[in-house]
């Protein structure tokens, strides 16, 4: 039985690194965390990409269970002749049709709420595909989903028109995306809350992700974006207080991943594979030895999943100076350790090399890329600690006050926790846990253990992955490579 009086607001700051959410840049967010519960050891899921972690947020599951194993992945049914692009709203819609509604393999938050007579509303200034991933059943459920990038692909049309009338025209997109942060808050304050009053609302702020990518971590533009995101969050807090909802409106704040600074132009892994004698195609289904799904992390799809060819490519990769973690389905470091053991996952997982290098703004963490981001900009996807470490803090009458939780946690735990606040049981198909240590009457923090998995290879290559476990829930801590 759900609680009819409980309302929950989830505010996501795309890519926000906790070490950059400083009190001087984000005083309102820090004050909120200090007054409520701050998780000091929150973690992303791998790959540390947005749509992967948006799906984790609304399913409470790892990619091995929910099936969105990357921003791009191979699924022959959904996309027969090229990588499936989860950032493309149209591709997601059509792919889900081709898969008979099984794009996501497990129940999502919107469906679960609707079955209990509750509702979910989503407003996102992130990618069109990411907006859909947060509420991909909104059309069928008659619920609200607005993408600032694609109002034409938002739903329901009459509610979208009313929201735009209430909040004003959608501002022109720019980077840093300051006006879009304000508009996202405007839609909630001027339309969603007074007109729809949904059980759960997700507001997705596209910053600091956009300015990290294209202006650089710690740049003036990036700092302005972080400060504006904080100001808009503060506006939400001011409204909650003025409305007398400090206790009854539960707020969850989070980020989906961090970012690293880009240190070079594209590695051109496809070109290097070709020069080494391997053929690379758009897919591995047309005779090519392999196909790539890679930005700074992802992997290699191998023709017929041929074990001999997989081994040859793995050994070649391990010899490359730009190669970070490499893992396979059955290696000593494998897909299960990375939480991506799903049929859509690449045969060979690959992360490009990263370091603790410091950029011109004094921000640590750097990576190679196989994409087109500007050198000095930012990217994410891998297993550097700065990519995996995320922001997570909660506040409201249901949560503890002035507490810090040092147990590992993450976005996968938000959906089970939300459902518990509403008096609903999480479905069986979840990997996340109810964050009882955050709840006012939740009891002590659970115990956790930490372990490291190692994979040796050719020429002194050694890959390492540290993982923490709270019960059955696994959190990736960091990955790194040593060379003898």
Foldseek 3Di string as FASTA:
>chain_A
DFDPLFAEEEEAAAQDFPVLCDCVLFVQVVVQQQFAEWAQFEWFAFQLDQLQLLLLLFALAHCQQFVCRDCWFDDCQLPVAFIQHLLDLVSVVSSCVSVVNNNTPGDTNQVVQVVVVFHEAEEEQDGNSSQCSNPVCCVVSQHWTAYLVCNVSTDDVVLSVVLCVQLDHRDDADVVRLSNLLSLLSSCVRRCCPPPVGRYYYRYYCPPVRCLQAVFPLHPSNSVSSNSNSVSVVVVVVVCVVVVNQARYKYKYKYNWHKAAAADFAPPPQVVCVVVPFFEDSQLDPPGQWYDDFWQWAFIAGRVLDVVSVVVVVQVLLPDPQWKDKEACDFLDHPVVSSNNHPRGHRIITGTAKDQDADPSRHTIYHYTNDGTDRNHIDGRAFAQSGTGMTIGMGHNFFDTSYYHHDYAYSSQNSQQSCVNRVHHRDPSHQYHHQLCGTPPRDHGADKDKDKTWGAHPQQKIKIWIWMDRPRHIRTRGIGIDGD
